[in-house]
Protein backbone atom coordinates (compact mmCIF):
# COMPACT_ATOMS: atom_id res chain seq x y z
CA UNK A 1 81.71 76.91 104.57
CA UNK A 2 85.41 76.61 103.61
CA UNK A 3 84.63 77.12 99.92
CA UNK A 4 82.51 80.22 100.62
CA UNK A 5 85.15 81.91 102.78
CA UNK A 6 87.82 81.15 100.18
CA UNK A 7 85.65 82.79 97.50
CA UNK A 8 84.99 85.84 99.69
CA UNK A 9 88.55 86.33 100.92
CA UNK A 10 90.40 85.18 97.81
CA UNK A 11 92.50 82.87 99.97
CA UNK A 12 92.08 79.98 102.37
CA UNK A 13 91.74 81.12 105.97
CA UNK A 14 94.11 79.10 108.17
CA UNK A 15 93.04 80.63 111.50
CA UNK A 16 90.07 82.67 112.70
CA UNK A 17 90.82 85.14 115.49
CA UNK A 18 88.31 86.04 118.17
CA UNK A 19 88.98 89.78 118.31
CA UNK A 20 87.25 92.53 120.21
CA UNK A 21 88.83 95.85 119.28
CA UNK A 22 89.61 98.05 122.28
CA UNK A 23 87.92 101.39 122.76
CA UNK A 24 90.51 104.14 122.84
CA UNK A 25 90.36 107.60 124.32
CA UNK A 26 92.05 109.59 121.59
CA UNK A 27 92.81 113.17 122.56
CA UNK A 28 93.20 115.64 119.71
CA UNK A 29 95.48 118.65 120.11
CA UNK A 30 93.09 121.15 118.48
CA UNK A 31 89.68 120.69 116.86
CA UNK A 32 87.90 123.83 115.73
CA UNK A 33 84.73 124.59 113.84
CA UNK A 34 84.21 127.50 111.46
CA UNK A 35 81.05 129.61 111.38
CA UNK A 36 80.07 127.57 108.29
CA UNK A 37 80.34 124.32 110.28
CA UNK A 38 83.64 123.19 108.77
CA UNK A 39 85.78 121.14 111.17
CA UNK A 40 89.54 121.75 111.30
CA UNK A 41 91.86 119.39 113.18
CA UNK A 42 95.40 120.64 113.96
CA UNK A 43 97.84 118.15 115.44
CA UNK A 44 101.06 119.52 116.93
CA UNK A 45 104.03 117.22 116.43
CA UNK A 46 107.33 117.90 118.19
CA UNK A 47 109.16 114.68 117.35
CA UNK A 48 109.55 112.44 114.34
CA UNK A 49 106.83 109.82 114.33
CA UNK A 50 106.83 107.21 111.56
CA UNK A 51 103.24 106.28 112.55
CA UNK A 52 101.80 109.81 112.19
CA UNK A 53 99.95 109.00 108.96
CA UNK A 54 98.16 106.06 110.59
CA UNK A 55 97.36 108.07 113.71
CA UNK A 56 95.91 110.92 111.64
CA UNK A 57 93.77 108.42 109.71
CA UNK A 58 92.45 107.06 113.01
CA UNK A 59 91.64 110.59 114.22
CA UNK A 60 89.94 111.33 110.88
CA UNK A 61 87.55 108.42 111.30
CA UNK A 62 86.96 109.10 115.01
CA UNK A 63 86.03 112.71 114.21
CA UNK A 64 83.59 111.50 111.57
CA UNK A 65 82.13 108.97 114.00
CA UNK A 66 81.58 111.67 116.63
CA UNK A 67 80.43 114.59 114.45
CA UNK A 68 79.09 112.75 111.35
CA UNK A 69 81.36 114.78 109.06
CA UNK A 70 85.00 114.87 108.09
CA UNK A 71 87.57 117.44 109.18
CA UNK A 72 90.33 119.19 107.32
CA UNK A 73 93.53 117.97 108.97
CA UNK A 74 96.88 119.67 109.44
CA UNK A 75 99.98 118.31 111.15
CA UNK A 76 102.11 121.18 112.38
CA UNK A 77 105.70 120.11 113.01
CA UNK A 78 107.07 122.25 115.84
CA UNK A 79 110.26 120.27 116.43
CA UNK A 80 113.77 121.46 115.71
CA UNK A 81 115.20 118.42 113.93
CA UNK A 82 114.76 117.37 110.34
CA UNK A 83 111.42 115.77 109.58
CA UNK A 84 111.26 112.05 108.94
CA UNK A 85 107.74 110.62 108.78
CA UNK A 86 109.00 107.22 107.67
CA UNK A 87 108.01 107.90 104.07
CA UNK A 88 104.39 107.01 104.77
CA UNK A 89 102.84 110.26 103.58
CA UNK A 90 103.20 111.24 99.91
CA UNK A 91 104.36 114.73 98.96
CA UNK A 92 101.47 117.07 98.25
CA UNK A 93 101.33 119.59 95.43
CA UNK A 94 99.11 121.97 97.43
CA UNK A 95 101.60 122.82 100.18
CA UNK A 96 101.69 126.30 101.64
CA UNK A 97 104.87 127.49 103.35
CA UNK A 98 104.14 128.95 106.78
CA UNK A 99 106.64 130.69 109.10
CA UNK A 100 106.66 127.58 111.30
CA UNK A 101 106.66 125.00 108.51
CA UNK A 102 104.50 123.80 105.65
CA UNK A 103 100.84 122.93 105.56
CA UNK A 104 99.24 120.55 103.14
CA UNK A 105 95.96 118.73 102.75
CA UNK A 106 97.74 115.38 103.06
CA UNK A 107 99.11 116.05 106.52
CA UNK A 108 102.72 116.07 105.27
CA UNK A 109 104.84 118.06 107.64
CA UNK A 110 108.14 119.74 106.78
CA UNK A 111 110.41 122.11 108.72
CA UNK A 112 110.40 125.77 107.82
CA UNK A 113 112.90 126.84 105.18
CA UNK A 114 116.22 127.99 106.65
CA UNK A 115 115.53 131.54 105.42
CA UNK A 116 112.58 131.91 107.82
CA UNK A 117 113.40 133.70 111.07
CA UNK A 118 111.92 131.56 113.90
CA UNK A 119 112.23 134.20 116.65
C-alpha cells in the first residue's frame, strides 16, 4: 500500500487525515440570469480582502454545483480606499473602466480613476 500511495502522490504520505468538509451556506450578493440563460454573479466589496480570489473561486464552483453551469463573475469594489487584493489576482487585459471602478473577467477590482466624478 505504501508503494502505491507514493507512486500516486509523488511523495511519501506521513499522516492521513480523517476529514469531513463542512457544508457552508454561502450567500452571494447578486446572481442574475439573462434571457439567454447566462448567469452573472456580482459581488460587492467594500473593504480590502486578500482572500477575495479564493472566495470567488468557491462561489464559482458552488454556482456550477447548484445550476450545472458557470457564471460570469464581477467583483465591484465600492470602498473608498486604495485596492489591495493581496496580489492574488492577475491583471486582466480585458478591463472596462466603469464610473464606480473597473470590471474584468478575472474579478480584478480597482478604484475608479480620480477623474471620475463619484457624486
